[in-house]
Amino acid sequence: MTKLVIIDTGCANLSSVKFAFDRLGIQAEISRDLDKIQSADKLLLPSVGTAQAAMKIL
């Protein structure tokens, strides 16, 4: 199974994003943990209209 990690940037409604994947039958995990992010098969970097705020946090 593909491991999808939603990167917790602290500036998006990640629960809604995860719920959308759950409804599609795709298992996703929200994390800031570098080891989990590096071991993921797929990454999702959510943002709210602009990536600038997320990039500052990262």
PDB file of N, CA and C in Angstrom:
ATOM      1  N   MET A   1       0.838  -1.181   0.000  1.00  0.00           N
ATOM      2  CA  MET A   1       0.000   0.000   0.000  1.00  0.00           C
ATOM      3  C   MET A   1       0.886   1.249   0.000  1.00  0.00           C
ATOM      4  N   THR A   2       0.501   2.226  -0.779  1.00  0.00           N
ATOM      5  CA  THR A   2       1.236   3.477  -0.861  1.00  0.00           C
ATOM      6  C   THR A   2       1.073   4.266   0.431  1.00  0.00           C
ATOM      7  N   LYS A   3       2.185   4.766   0.934  1.00  0.00           N
ATOM      8  CA  LYS A   3       2.164   5.557   2.161  1.00  0.00           C
ATOM      9  C   LYS A   3       2.100   7.037   1.781  1.00  0.00           C
ATOM     10  N   LEU A   4       0.970   7.682   2.097  1.00  0.00           N
ATOM     11  CA  LEU A   4       0.758   9.097   1.806  1.00  0.00           C
ATOM     12  C   LEU A   4       0.862   9.887   3.098  1.00  0.00           C
ATOM     13  N   VAL A   5       1.719  10.890   3.103  1.00  0.00           N
ATOM     14  CA  VAL A   5       1.852  11.763   4.261  1.00  0.00           C
ATOM     15  C   VAL A   5       1.445  13.172   3.858  1.00  0.00           C
ATOM     16  N   ILE A   6       0.531  13.738   4.636  1.00  0.00           N
ATOM     17  CA  ILE A   6       0.130  15.130   4.481  1.00  0.00           C
ATOM     18  C   ILE A   6       1.021  15.924   5.425  1.00  0.00           C
ATOM     19  N   ILE A   7       1.832  16.808   4.864  1.00  0.00           N
ATOM     20  CA  ILE A   7       2.772  17.569   5.680  1.00  0.00           C
ATOM     21  C   ILE A   7       2.012  18.620   6.484  1.00  0.00           C
ATOM     22  N   ASP A   8       2.197  18.573   7.797  1.00  0.00           N
ATOM     23  CA  ASP A   8       1.530  19.509   8.703  1.00  0.00           C
ATOM     24  C   ASP A   8       2.286  20.832   8.682  1.00  0.00           C
ATOM     25  N   THR A   9       1.779  21.773   7.901  1.00  0.00           N
ATOM     26  CA  THR A   9       2.414  23.084   7.780  1.00  0.00           C
ATOM     27  C   THR A   9       1.894  24.072   8.808  1.00  0.00           C
ATOM     28  N   GLY A  10       0.820  23.729   9.488  1.00  0.00           N
ATOM     29  CA  GLY A  10       0.255  24.617  10.485  1.00  0.00           C
ATOM     30  C   GLY A  10      -0.573  25.748   9.902  1.00  0.00           C
ATOM     31  N   CYS A  11      -0.831  25.714   8.592  1.00  0.00           N
ATOM     32  CA  CYS A  11      -1.581  26.830   7.999  1.00  0.00           C
ATOM     33  C   CYS A  11      -2.667  26.355   7.040  1.00  0.00           C
ATOM     34  N   ALA A  12      -3.208  25.177   7.280  1.00  0.00           N
ATOM     35  CA  ALA A  12      -4.299  24.680   6.435  1.00  0.00           C
ATOM     36  C   ALA A  12      -5.194  23.773   7.275  1.00  0.00           C
ATOM     37  N   ASN A  13      -6.422  23.553   6.809  1.00  0.00           N
ATOM     38  CA  ASN A  13      -7.360  22.678   7.497  1.00  0.00           C
ATOM     39  C   ASN A  13      -7.060  21.233   7.092  1.00  0.00           C
ATOM     40  N   LEU A  14      -6.111  20.645   7.763  1.00  0.00           N
ATOM     41  CA  LEU A  14      -5.633  19.321   7.383  1.00  0.00           C
ATOM     42  C   LEU A  14      -6.635  18.221   7.682  1.00  0.00           C
ATOM     43  N   SER A  15      -7.469  18.417   8.679  1.00  0.00           N
ATOM     44  CA  SER A  15      -8.474  17.399   8.991  1.00  0.00           C
ATOM     45  C   SER A  15      -9.420  17.193   7.817  1.00  0.00           C
ATOM     46  N   SER A  16      -9.803  18.271   7.158  1.00  0.00           N
ATOM     47  CA  SER A  16     -10.680  18.164   5.985  1.00  0.00           C
ATOM     48  C   SER A  16      -9.979  17.459   4.835  1.00  0.00           C
ATOM     49  N   VAL A  17      -8.701  17.745   4.660  1.00  0.00           N
ATOM     50  CA  VAL A  17      -7.930  17.099   3.593  1.00  0.00           C
ATOM     51  C   VAL A  17      -7.837  15.602   3.867  1.00  0.00           C
ATOM     52  N   LYS A  18      -7.494  15.241   5.113  1.00  0.00           N
ATOM     53  CA  LYS A  18      -7.390  13.822   5.468  1.00  0.00           C
ATOM     54  C   LYS A  18      -8.739  13.125   5.308  1.00  0.00           C
ATOM     55  N   PHE A  19      -9.818  13.780   5.729  1.00  0.00           N
ATOM     56  CA  PHE A  19     -11.149  13.198   5.612  1.00  0.00           C
ATOM     57  C   PHE A  19     -11.499  12.930   4.147  1.00  0.00           C
ATOM     58  N   ALA A  20     -11.111  13.825   3.266  1.00  0.00           N
ATOM     59  CA  ALA A  20     -11.372  13.627   1.834  1.00  0.00           C
ATOM     60  C   ALA A  20     -10.657  12.378   1.330  1.00  0.00           C
ATOM     61  N   PHE A  21      -9.414  12.177   1.737  1.00  0.00           N
ATOM     62  CA  PHE A  21      -8.695  10.965   1.339  1.00  0.00           C
ATOM     63  C   PHE A  21      -9.334   9.721   1.947  1.00  0.00           C
ATOM     64  N   ASP A  22      -9.755   9.813   3.210  1.00  0.00           N
ATOM     65  CA  ASP A  22     -10.436   8.686   3.859  1.00  0.00           C
ATOM     66  C   ASP A  22     -11.672   8.267   3.062  1.00  0.00           C
ATOM     67  N   ARG A  23     -12.455   9.243   2.624  1.00  0.00           N
ATOM     68  CA  ARG A  23     -13.677   8.952   1.858  1.00  0.00           C
ATOM     69  C   ARG A  23     -13.364   8.306   0.516  1.00  0.00           C
ATOM     70  N   LEU A  24     -12.176   8.575  -0.012  1.00  0.00           N
ATOM     71  CA  LEU A  24     -11.752   7.958  -1.273  1.00  0.00           C
ATOM     72  C   LEU A  24     -11.114   6.587  -1.056  1.00  0.00           C
ATOM     73  N   GLY A  25     -10.989   6.185   0.216  1.00  0.00           N
ATOM     74  CA  GLY A  25     -10.382   4.899   0.527  1.00  0.00           C
ATOM     75  C   GLY A  25      -8.866   4.934   0.505  1.00  0.00           C
ATOM     76  N   ILE A  26      -8.298   6.125   0.626  1.00  0.00           N
ATOM     77  CA  ILE A  26      -6.845   6.292   0.611  1.00  0.00           C
ATOM     78  C   ILE A  26      -6.386   6.604   2.028  1.00  0.00           C
ATOM     79  N   GLN A  27      -5.485   5.770   2.533  1.00  0.00           N
ATOM     80  CA  GLN A  27      -4.988   5.967   3.885  1.00  0.00           C
ATOM     81  C   GLN A  27      -3.913   7.052   3.869  1.00  0.00           C
ATOM     82  N   ALA A  28      -4.125   8.093   4.659  1.00  0.00           N
ATOM     83  CA  ALA A  28      -3.178   9.202   4.739  1.00  0.00           C
ATOM     84  C   ALA A  28      -2.890   9.510   6.197  1.00  0.00           C
ATOM     85  N   GLU A  29      -1.719  10.067   6.424  1.00  0.00           N
ATOM     86  CA  GLU A  29      -1.303  10.436   7.775  1.00  0.00           C
ATOM     87  C   GLU A  29      -0.842  11.890   7.753  1.00  0.00           C
ATOM     88  N   ILE A  30      -1.236  12.649   8.759  1.00  0.00           N
ATOM     89  CA  ILE A  30      -0.781  14.029   8.920  1.00  0.00           C
ATOM     90  C   ILE A  30       0.431  14.000   9.839  1.00  0.00           C
ATOM     91  N   SER A  31       1.528  14.632   9.401  1.00  0.00           N
ATOM     92  CA  SER A  31       2.730  14.571  10.223  1.00  0.00           C
ATOM     93  C   SER A  31       3.668  15.741   9.958  1.00  0.00           C
ATOM     94  N   ARG A  32       4.436  16.068  10.986  1.00  0.00           N
ATOM     95  CA  ARG A  32       5.570  16.993  10.889  1.00  0.00           C
ATOM     96  C   ARG A  32       6.879  16.237  11.096  1.00  0.00           C
ATOM     97  N   ASP A  33       6.763  14.957  11.422  1.00  0.00           N
ATOM     98  CA  ASP A  33       7.924  14.131  11.741  1.00  0.00           C
ATOM     99  C   ASP A  33       8.770  13.890  10.492  1.00  0.00           C
ATOM    100  N   LEU A  34      10.021  14.313  10.528  1.00  0.00           N
ATOM    101  CA  LEU A  34      10.903  14.218   9.371  1.00  0.00           C
ATOM    102  C   LEU A  34      11.089  12.778   8.899  1.00  0.00           C
ATOM    103  N   ASP A  35      11.220  11.837   9.822  1.00  0.00           N
ATOM    104  CA  ASP A  35      11.395  10.432   9.440  1.00  0.00           C
ATOM    105  C   ASP A  35      10.180   9.905   8.681  1.00  0.00           C
ATOM    106  N   LYS A  36       8.983  10.248   9.150  1.00  0.00           N
ATOM    107  CA  LYS A  36       7.764   9.806   8.466  1.00  0.00           C
ATOM    108  C   LYS A  36       7.648  10.446   7.088  1.00  0.00           C
ATOM    109  N   ILE A  37       7.995  11.723   7.010  1.00  0.00           N
ATOM    110  CA  ILE A  37       7.933  12.428   5.731  1.00  0.00           C
ATOM    111  C   ILE A  37       8.918  11.814   4.736  1.00  0.00           C
ATOM    112  N   GLN A  38      10.138  11.539   5.193  1.00  0.00           N
ATOM    113  CA  GLN A  38      11.159  10.980   4.305  1.00  0.00           C
ATOM    114  C   GLN A  38      10.839   9.559   3.862  1.00  0.00           C
ATOM    115  N   SER A  39      10.102   8.811   4.673  1.00  0.00           N
ATOM    116  CA  SER A  39       9.796   7.425   4.315  1.00  0.00           C
ATOM    117  C   SER A  39       8.503   7.289   3.509  1.00  0.00           C
ATOM    118  N   ALA A  40       7.817   8.392   3.278  1.00  0.00           N
ATOM    119  CA  ALA A  40       6.546   8.353   2.541  1.00  0.00           C
ATOM    120  C   ALA A  40       6.774   8.049   1.066  1.00  0.00           C
ATOM    121  N   ASP A  41       5.795   7.369   0.470  1.00  0.00           N
ATOM    122  CA  ASP A  41       5.815   7.143  -0.975  1.00  0.00           C
ATOM    123  C   ASP A  41       5.318   8.379  -1.715  1.00  0.00           C
ATOM    124  N   LYS A  42       4.351   9.056  -1.111  1.00  0.00           N
ATOM    125  CA  LYS A  42       3.747  10.258  -1.695  1.00  0.00           C
ATOM    126  C   LYS A  42       3.629  11.311  -0.605  1.00  0.00           C
ATOM    127  N   LEU A  43       3.823  12.572  -1.000  1.00  0.00           N
ATOM    128  CA  LEU A  43       3.676  13.690  -0.076  1.00  0.00           C
ATOM    129  C   LEU A  43       2.636  14.655  -0.600  1.00  0.00           C
ATOM    130  N   LEU A  44       1.913  15.263   0.325  1.00  0.00           N
ATOM    131  CA  LEU A  44       0.977  16.318  -0.023  1.00  0.00           C
ATOM    132  C   LEU A  44       1.351  17.529   0.817  1.00  0.00           C
ATOM    133  N   LEU A  45       1.618  18.637   0.139  1.00  0.00           N
ATOM    134  CA  LEU A  45       1.964  19.881   0.812  1.00  0.00           C
ATOM    135  C   LEU A  45       0.802  20.846   0.648  1.00  0.00           C
ATOM    136  N   PRO A  46      -0.122  20.864   1.619  1.00  0.00           N
ATOM    137  CA  PRO A  46      -1.288  21.738   1.501  1.00  0.00           C
ATOM    138  C   PRO A  46      -0.921  23.189   1.789  1.00  0.00           C
ATOM    139  N   SER A  47      -1.714  24.067   1.226  1.00  0.00           N
ATOM    140  CA  SER A  47      -1.498  25.495   1.407  1.00  0.00           C
ATOM    141  C   SER A  47      -2.846  26.192   1.293  1.00  0.00           C
ATOM    142  N   VAL A  48      -2.913  27.430   1.703  1.00  0.00           N
ATOM    143  CA  VAL A  48      -4.148  28.192   1.623  1.00  0.00           C
ATOM    144  C   VAL A  48      -3.917  29.351   0.657  1.00  0.00           C
ATOM    145  N   GLY A  49      -4.102  29.090  -0.626  1.00  0.00           N
ATOM    146  CA  GLY A  49      -3.981  30.132  -1.637  1.00  0.00           C
ATOM    147  C   GLY A  49      -2.562  30.517  -1.988  1.00  0.00           C
ATOM    148  N   THR A  50      -1.663  30.444  -1.058  1.00  0.00           N
ATOM    149  CA  THR A  50      -0.274  30.789  -1.311  1.00  0.00           C
ATOM    150  C   THR A  50       0.622  29.872  -0.499  1.00  0.00           C
ATOM    151  N   ALA A  51       1.755  29.551  -1.030  1.00  0.00           N
ATOM    152  CA  ALA A  51       2.691  28.679  -0.328  1.00  0.00           C
ATOM    153  C   ALA A  51       3.633  29.472   0.571  1.00  0.00           C
ATOM    154  N   GLN A  52       3.581  30.784   0.517  1.00  0.00           N
ATOM    155  CA  GLN A  52       4.526  31.609   1.265  1.00  0.00           C
ATOM    156  C   GLN A  52       4.490  31.328   2.771  1.00  0.00           C
ATOM    157  N   ALA A  53       3.311  31.276   3.359  1.00  0.00           N
ATOM    158  CA  ALA A  53       3.206  31.015   4.800  1.00  0.00           C
ATOM    159  C   ALA A  53       3.721  29.626   5.141  1.00  0.00           C
ATOM    160  N   ALA A  54       3.392  28.644   4.316  1.00  0.00           N
ATOM    161  CA  ALA A  54       3.857  27.276   4.557  1.00  0.00           C
ATOM    162  C   ALA A  54       5.372  27.188   4.442  1.00  0.00           C
ATOM    163  N   MET A  55       5.947  27.860   3.480  1.00  0.00           N
ATOM    164  CA  MET A  55       7.398  27.807   3.287  1.00  0.00           C
ATOM    165  C   MET A  55       8.137  28.432   4.469  1.00  0.00           C
ATOM    166  N   LYS A  56       7.578  29.476   5.066  1.00  0.00           N
ATOM    167  CA  LYS A  56       8.202  30.077   6.247  1.00  0.00           C
ATOM    168  C   LYS A  56       8.236  29.089   7.396  1.00  0.00           C
ATOM    169  N   ILE A  57       7.148  28.318   7.551  1.00  0.00           N
ATOM    170  CA  ILE A  57       7.076  27.333   8.631  1.00  0.00           C
ATOM    171  C   ILE A  57       8.044  26.190   8.382  1.00  0.00           C
ATOM    172  N   LEU A  58       8.134  25.748   7.126  1.00  0.00           N
ATOM    173  CA  LEU A  58       9.031  24.644   6.792  1.00  0.00           C
ATOM    174  C   LEU A  58      10.474  25.073   6.937  1.00  0.00           C
TER     175      LEU A  58
END
